[in-house]
Amino acid sequence: MLNIYKTDLETNKFEKIKEFRPGSWISLINPTETEIQTVCSNLNIDDEFIKYPLDYEEQARIDIEDDMTLFVIDIPVIEDEKGKKSYSTMPLGLIVVRDEYFISVCLRKNRIIDTFEKGRVKEMYTYKKTRLLLQILYLNASYYLNDLKKINKEAENTVVALQKSMRNKELIQLLDYQNSLVYITTSLKANELVMEKMARGKVLKSYEEDDEILEDAIIENRQAIEMGKIYSDILSGTMDAHASIISNNLNGVMKLLASITIVLSLPTLIASIWGMNVPLPFANNPHGFIIVVAISVLISVIAFIWLKKKDML
């Protein structure tokens, strides 16, 4: 999907346009080869930078070539499959062409680009490309923070459910949250390197107010990294604790079953002995059966009391 947006220099009105104009923002969402070639031919650029972010495994980085600067960052995404949420990341490419055009490239529709396309960001101007880039970085870090809070809340609810049921379903869900936290923290660290590189060197022309936005974005990103580490450590400790609890419960069940087996095996042993075709006590006694049963019950009761004292029942 190809969309072109531009902010009017006089009225600052943000609107969607049909032609390529200097100072415009070109948004590409899962573009076709035809759309890519349309952009390249109109802007007189190669398609190399546009195709980089379309690789799902592309790493966050800055690449400068001639009159083009490519920024690849990782953005958070929420997958919803059959009512089951999962949190992951994917690359977003931001390209500045000759200080005239701003291009965003992504594999799929996402919250960050959607927020800008709907004009929900204050003081967003397509002709201020550096500011637009930094605003995207700041919003991206904010969405990471929101997703981390959602993961923590959902993990807490799963832990409560796990304490009541001890089912594999809850443990698997916690493992999914743990994996999501690892992916998110890794992506945040990669984004931090990109922003720090921007802060160290003059990658793009910037102004004083732009530096403030970049500083806020770096702070927000670092806060998300720390939050991700804390949640990951808490979740890891919780999973270890519940794994120990489940193991102890299993040991208790096995101990109980073993004790019950011992108690039940004693009457079976006595019945087997008195069932032999050899001379035995009470063989000719008219009350022999009752006596043998009484002996079996007595021995079982003694074994039960002994195992109870040993805390095996």
Protein backbone atom coordinates (compact mmCIF):
# COMPACT_ATOMS: atom_id res chain seq x y z
CA MET A 1 0.00 0.00 0.00
CA LEU A 2 1.34 3.39 -1.04
CA ASN A 3 0.17 6.65 0.54
CA ILE A 4 1.59 10.17 0.22
CA TYR A 5 1.04 12.88 2.82
CA LYS A 6 2.05 16.52 3.00
CA THR A 7 1.75 19.38 5.46
CA ASP A 8 0.90 22.69 3.82
CA LEU A 9 3.61 25.29 4.47
CA GLU A 10 1.14 28.13 4.94
CA THR A 11 -1.77 26.51 6.81
CA ASN A 12 0.12 23.54 8.35
CA LYS A 13 -2.80 21.38 7.29
CA PHE A 14 -1.90 17.70 7.12
CA GLU A 15 -3.49 16.03 4.11
CA LYS A 16 -3.20 13.08 1.77
CA ILE A 17 -2.03 13.87 -1.76
CA LYS A 18 -1.66 11.88 -4.98
CA GLU A 19 1.58 13.21 -6.45
CA PHE A 20 5.16 13.18 -5.21
CA ARG A 21 6.15 16.62 -3.93
CA PRO A 22 9.26 17.83 -2.08
CA GLY A 23 8.54 17.97 1.64
CA SER A 24 6.08 15.09 1.50
CA TRP A 25 5.97 11.85 3.49
CA ILE A 26 5.67 8.60 1.52
CA SER A 27 4.23 5.70 3.52
CA LEU A 28 4.79 2.16 2.20
CA ILE A 29 3.02 -0.71 3.97
CA ASN A 30 3.86 -4.16 2.58
CA PRO A 31 4.44 -2.56 -0.84
CA THR A 32 4.23 -4.44 -4.10
CA GLU A 33 7.11 -4.42 -6.56
CA THR A 34 5.14 -2.00 -8.74
CA GLU A 35 4.69 0.46 -5.85
CA ILE A 36 8.40 0.27 -4.99
CA GLN A 37 9.39 0.98 -8.58
CA THR A 38 6.89 3.85 -8.74
CA VAL A 39 8.52 5.52 -5.74
CA CYS A 40 12.05 4.90 -7.01
CA SER A 41 11.36 6.25 -10.48
CA ASN A 42 9.63 9.40 -9.21
CA LEU A 43 12.29 10.13 -6.58
CA ASN A 44 15.18 8.95 -8.78
CA ILE A 45 16.58 6.55 -6.19
CA ASP A 46 17.57 2.87 -6.02
CA ASP A 47 15.20 0.35 -4.47
CA GLU A 48 17.91 -1.11 -2.21
CA PHE A 49 17.12 0.98 0.87
CA ILE A 50 13.39 0.41 0.49
CA LYS A 51 13.74 -3.37 0.39
CA TYR A 52 16.02 -3.66 3.43
CA PRO A 53 13.25 -3.07 6.02
CA LEU A 54 11.03 -5.62 4.28
CA ASP A 55 13.26 -8.37 5.67
CA TYR A 56 11.67 -9.50 8.94
CA GLU A 57 15.11 -10.28 10.40
CA GLU A 58 16.66 -6.92 9.51
CA GLN A 59 18.67 -5.44 12.39
CA ALA A 60 18.23 -1.90 13.74
CA ARG A 61 20.93 0.34 12.24
CA ILE A 62 21.78 3.53 10.35
CA ASP A 63 23.00 3.36 6.76
CA ILE A 64 24.13 6.40 4.77
CA GLU A 65 24.72 6.31 1.04
CA ASP A 66 25.09 9.33 -1.25
CA ASP A 67 22.05 11.53 -0.67
CA MET A 68 19.99 8.92 1.21
CA THR A 69 19.97 8.04 4.91
CA LEU A 70 18.27 4.86 6.13
CA PHE A 71 17.19 4.30 9.73
CA VAL A 72 15.99 0.82 10.64
CA ILE A 73 14.35 0.48 14.06
CA ASP A 74 12.38 -2.31 15.73
CA ILE A 75 8.77 -1.58 16.61
CA PRO A 76 6.46 -3.57 18.93
CA VAL A 77 3.61 -5.59 17.44
CA ILE A 78 0.78 -7.55 19.07
CA GLU A 79 -0.21 -10.80 17.39
CA ASP A 80 -3.74 -12.10 17.96
CA GLU A 81 -4.23 -15.70 16.86
CA LYS A 82 -7.45 -17.43 17.87
CA GLY A 83 -7.94 -15.07 20.80
CA LYS A 84 -4.41 -15.62 22.08
CA LYS A 85 -2.19 -12.53 22.31
CA SER A 86 1.54 -12.62 21.74
CA TYR A 87 4.02 -9.76 21.74
CA SER A 88 6.85 -9.44 19.26
CA THR A 89 8.80 -6.90 17.19
CA MET A 90 9.41 -6.15 13.52
CA PRO A 91 11.59 -3.71 11.55
CA LEU A 92 10.47 -0.28 10.40
CA GLY A 93 12.51 1.60 7.81
CA LEU A 94 12.71 5.41 7.81
CA ILE A 95 14.46 6.98 4.83
CA VAL A 96 15.40 10.61 4.26
CA VAL A 97 16.04 11.40 0.59
CA ARG A 98 18.05 14.55 -0.28
CA ASP A 99 16.41 16.43 2.57
CA GLU A 100 13.33 16.55 0.33
CA TYR A 101 11.34 13.38 0.96
CA PHE A 102 10.62 11.21 3.97
CA ILE A 103 9.83 7.54 3.36
CA SER A 104 8.56 4.97 5.87
CA VAL A 105 8.63 1.28 4.94
CA CYS A 106 7.10 -1.56 6.92
CA LEU A 107 5.98 -5.13 6.33
CA ARG A 108 2.50 -4.57 7.73
CA LYS A 109 0.12 -2.01 9.11
CA ASN A 110 1.17 -0.93 12.59
CA ARG A 111 0.11 1.39 15.40
CA ILE A 112 2.99 3.83 15.01
CA ILE A 113 2.53 4.73 11.35
CA ASP A 114 -1.25 4.58 11.79
CA THR A 115 -1.09 7.19 14.57
CA PHE A 116 0.85 9.59 12.32
CA GLU A 117 -1.31 8.93 9.27
CA LYS A 118 -4.40 9.86 11.27
CA GLY A 119 -2.76 13.13 12.35
CA ARG A 120 -2.90 12.33 16.07
CA VAL A 121 0.61 13.65 16.80
CA LYS A 122 0.91 17.31 17.73
CA GLU A 123 3.31 19.59 15.86
CA MET A 124 3.95 16.98 13.19
CA TYR A 125 5.06 18.45 9.87
CA THR A 126 6.11 16.38 6.88
CA TYR A 127 8.58 19.04 5.72
CA LYS A 128 10.44 18.80 9.05
CA LYS A 129 11.91 15.40 8.36
CA THR A 130 14.28 15.23 11.33
CA ARG A 131 11.51 16.12 13.76
CA LEU A 132 9.19 13.59 12.14
CA LEU A 133 11.85 10.90 12.53
CA LEU A 134 12.44 11.75 16.19
CA GLN A 135 8.71 11.88 16.92
CA ILE A 136 8.42 8.35 15.52
CA LEU A 137 11.29 7.22 17.76
CA TYR A 138 9.66 8.77 20.82
CA LEU A 139 6.23 7.30 20.07
CA ASN A 140 7.85 3.93 19.42
CA ALA A 141 9.48 3.93 22.87
CA SER A 142 6.14 4.92 24.43
CA TYR A 143 4.38 1.98 22.80
CA TYR A 144 7.10 -0.33 24.11
CA LEU A 145 6.39 0.93 27.64
CA ASN A 146 2.66 0.36 27.19
CA ASP A 147 3.19 -3.17 25.90
CA LEU A 148 5.54 -4.00 28.77
CA LYS A 149 2.88 -2.90 31.26
CA LYS A 150 0.31 -5.05 29.45
CA ILE A 151 2.63 -8.07 29.54
CA ASN A 152 3.25 -7.58 33.27
CA LYS A 153 -0.48 -7.29 34.00
CA GLU A 154 -1.36 -10.36 31.94
CA ALA A 155 1.48 -12.31 33.53
CA GLU A 156 0.17 -11.42 37.00
CA ASN A 157 -3.30 -12.68 36.04
CA THR A 158 -1.77 -15.89 34.68
CA VAL A 159 0.15 -16.41 37.94
CA VAL A 160 -3.08 -16.08 39.92
CA ALA A 161 -4.73 -18.67 37.67
CA LEU A 162 -1.67 -20.91 37.97
CA GLN A 163 -1.86 -20.87 41.78
CA LYS A 164 -5.40 -22.20 41.58
CA SER A 165 -4.99 -24.89 38.92
CA MET A 166 -1.28 -25.69 38.37
CA ARG A 167 -2.00 -26.56 34.72
CA ASN A 168 0.49 -26.69 31.88
CA LYS A 169 -1.54 -24.07 29.99
CA GLU A 170 -0.60 -21.31 32.44
CA LEU A 171 3.05 -22.36 32.53
CA ILE A 172 3.25 -22.28 28.73
CA GLN A 173 1.63 -18.82 28.75
CA LEU A 174 4.23 -17.56 31.23
CA LEU A 175 6.97 -18.97 29.01
CA ASP A 176 5.49 -17.04 26.05
CA TYR A 177 5.59 -13.84 28.10
CA GLN A 178 9.19 -14.55 29.05
CA ASN A 179 10.13 -14.99 25.38
CA SER A 180 8.30 -11.78 24.47
CA LEU A 181 10.24 -9.86 27.11
CA VAL A 182 13.51 -11.18 25.69
CA TYR A 183 12.59 -10.10 22.15
CA ILE A 184 11.39 -6.68 23.30
CA THR A 185 14.44 -6.00 25.48
CA THR A 186 16.79 -7.02 22.65
CA SER A 187 14.98 -4.71 20.21
CA LEU A 188 15.04 -1.83 22.70
CA LYS A 189 18.80 -2.17 23.10
CA ALA A 190 19.24 -2.14 19.32
CA ASN A 191 17.08 1.00 19.06
CA GLU A 192 19.14 2.60 21.81
CA LEU A 193 22.30 2.16 19.73
CA VAL A 194 20.62 3.89 16.78
CA MET A 195 19.51 6.85 18.89
CA GLU A 196 22.87 7.17 20.63
CA LYS A 197 24.56 7.26 17.23
CA MET A 198 22.21 10.04 16.20
CA ALA A 199 23.01 11.93 19.42
CA ARG A 200 26.78 11.57 18.97
CA GLY A 201 27.06 12.57 15.34
CA LYS A 202 25.23 14.87 12.98
CA VAL A 203 23.57 12.13 10.98
CA LEU A 204 20.79 14.52 9.97
CA LYS A 205 20.38 18.29 10.11
CA SER A 206 18.83 19.03 13.48
CA TYR A 207 17.70 21.97 15.56
CA GLU A 208 17.66 22.71 19.26
CA GLU A 209 14.06 21.58 19.72
CA ASP A 210 14.87 18.39 17.79
CA ASP A 211 17.70 17.58 20.20
CA GLU A 212 15.22 17.80 23.06
CA ILE A 213 12.89 15.31 21.39
CA LEU A 214 15.81 12.93 20.79
CA GLU A 215 16.85 13.20 24.43
CA ASP A 216 13.29 12.43 25.55
CA ALA A 217 13.16 9.45 23.19
CA ILE A 218 16.45 8.08 24.58
CA ILE A 219 15.21 8.47 28.16
CA GLU A 220 11.91 6.79 27.32
CA ASN A 221 13.74 3.94 25.57
CA ARG A 222 16.11 3.42 28.53
CA GLN A 223 13.17 3.36 30.90
CA ALA A 224 11.57 0.65 28.75
CA ILE A 225 14.82 -1.37 28.84
CA GLU A 226 14.99 -1.20 32.64
CA MET A 227 11.32 -2.06 32.94
CA GLY A 228 11.76 -5.03 30.60
CA LYS A 229 14.69 -6.31 32.68
CA ILE A 230 12.74 -6.00 35.93
CA TYR A 231 9.66 -7.75 34.54
CA SER A 232 11.83 -10.48 33.02
CA ASP A 233 13.63 -11.12 36.32
CA ILE A 234 10.35 -11.21 38.25
CA LEU A 235 8.76 -13.57 35.73
CA SER A 236 11.81 -15.81 35.70
CA GLY A 237 11.78 -16.05 39.51
CA THR A 238 8.03 -16.74 39.50
CA MET A 239 8.39 -19.54 36.97
CA ASP A 240 11.25 -21.11 38.94
CA ALA A 241 9.21 -20.94 42.15
CA HIS A 242 6.16 -22.55 40.56
CA ALA A 243 8.33 -25.22 38.94
CA SER A 244 9.65 -26.08 42.42
CA ILE A 245 6.12 -26.10 43.83
CA ILE A 246 4.90 -28.43 41.08
CA SER A 247 7.89 -30.69 41.64
CA ASN A 248 7.22 -30.80 45.39
CA ASN A 249 3.54 -31.53 44.78
CA LEU A 250 4.50 -34.37 42.48
CA ASN A 251 6.87 -35.77 45.10
CA GLY A 252 4.07 -35.58 47.67
CA VAL A 253 1.70 -37.47 45.39
CA MET A 254 4.30 -40.14 44.67
CA LYS A 255 5.01 -40.49 48.40
CA LEU A 256 1.30 -40.86 49.16
CA LEU A 257 0.81 -43.47 46.44
CA ALA A 258 3.82 -45.44 47.69
CA SER A 259 2.48 -45.41 51.25
CA ILE A 260 -0.99 -46.52 50.13
CA THR A 261 0.61 -49.32 48.14
CA ILE A 262 2.48 -50.52 51.25
CA VAL A 263 -0.68 -50.48 53.40
CA LEU A 264 -2.69 -52.39 50.79
CA SER A 265 0.05 -54.91 50.08
CA LEU A 266 0.13 -56.22 53.70
CA PRO A 267 -3.38 -57.82 53.64
CA THR A 268 -2.53 -59.22 50.19
CA LEU A 269 0.67 -60.75 51.60
CA ILE A 270 -1.16 -62.37 54.56
CA ALA A 271 -3.94 -63.68 52.31
CA SER A 272 -1.31 -65.17 49.99
CA ILE A 273 0.45 -66.94 52.85
CA TRP A 274 -2.78 -68.45 54.26
CA GLY A 275 -3.76 -69.51 50.76
CA MET A 276 -0.83 -71.98 50.50
CA ASN A 277 -1.57 -75.73 50.54
CA VAL A 278 0.61 -76.31 53.64
CA PRO A 279 -0.23 -76.67 57.34
CA LEU A 280 -0.83 -73.20 58.83
CA PRO A 281 -2.20 -71.80 62.10
CA PHE A 282 -5.99 -71.62 62.27
CA ALA A 283 -6.27 -73.99 59.28
CA ASN A 284 -8.79 -76.18 61.13
CA ASN A 285 -10.28 -73.45 63.28
CA PRO A 286 -13.93 -72.73 62.42
CA HIS A 287 -13.21 -69.01 63.00
CA GLY A 288 -9.93 -69.06 61.05
CA PHE A 289 -11.13 -66.74 58.28
CA ILE A 290 -12.25 -64.08 60.75
CA ILE A 291 -8.98 -64.38 62.68
CA VAL A 292 -6.87 -63.99 59.52
CA VAL A 293 -8.92 -60.98 58.40
CA ALA A 294 -8.56 -59.43 61.84
CA ILE A 295 -4.78 -59.96 61.74
CA SER A 296 -4.63 -58.33 58.27
CA VAL A 297 -6.66 -55.32 59.42
CA LEU A 298 -4.56 -54.97 62.58
CA ILE A 299 -1.26 -55.07 60.68
CA SER A 300 -2.61 -52.56 58.11
CA VAL A 301 -3.72 -50.18 60.90
CA ILE A 302 -0.30 -50.45 62.57
CA ALA A 303 1.42 -49.75 59.23
CA PHE A 304 -0.91 -46.78 58.63
CA ILE A 305 -0.18 -45.28 62.07
CA TRP A 306 3.57 -45.76 61.60
CA LEU A 307 3.56 -44.12 58.14
CA LYS A 308 1.44 -41.26 59.51
CA LYS A 309 3.99 -40.60 62.24
CA LYS A 310 6.74 -40.57 59.64
CA ASP A 311 4.71 -37.96 57.69
CA MET A 312 4.39 -40.26 54.71
CA LEU A 313 0.61 -40.13 54.61
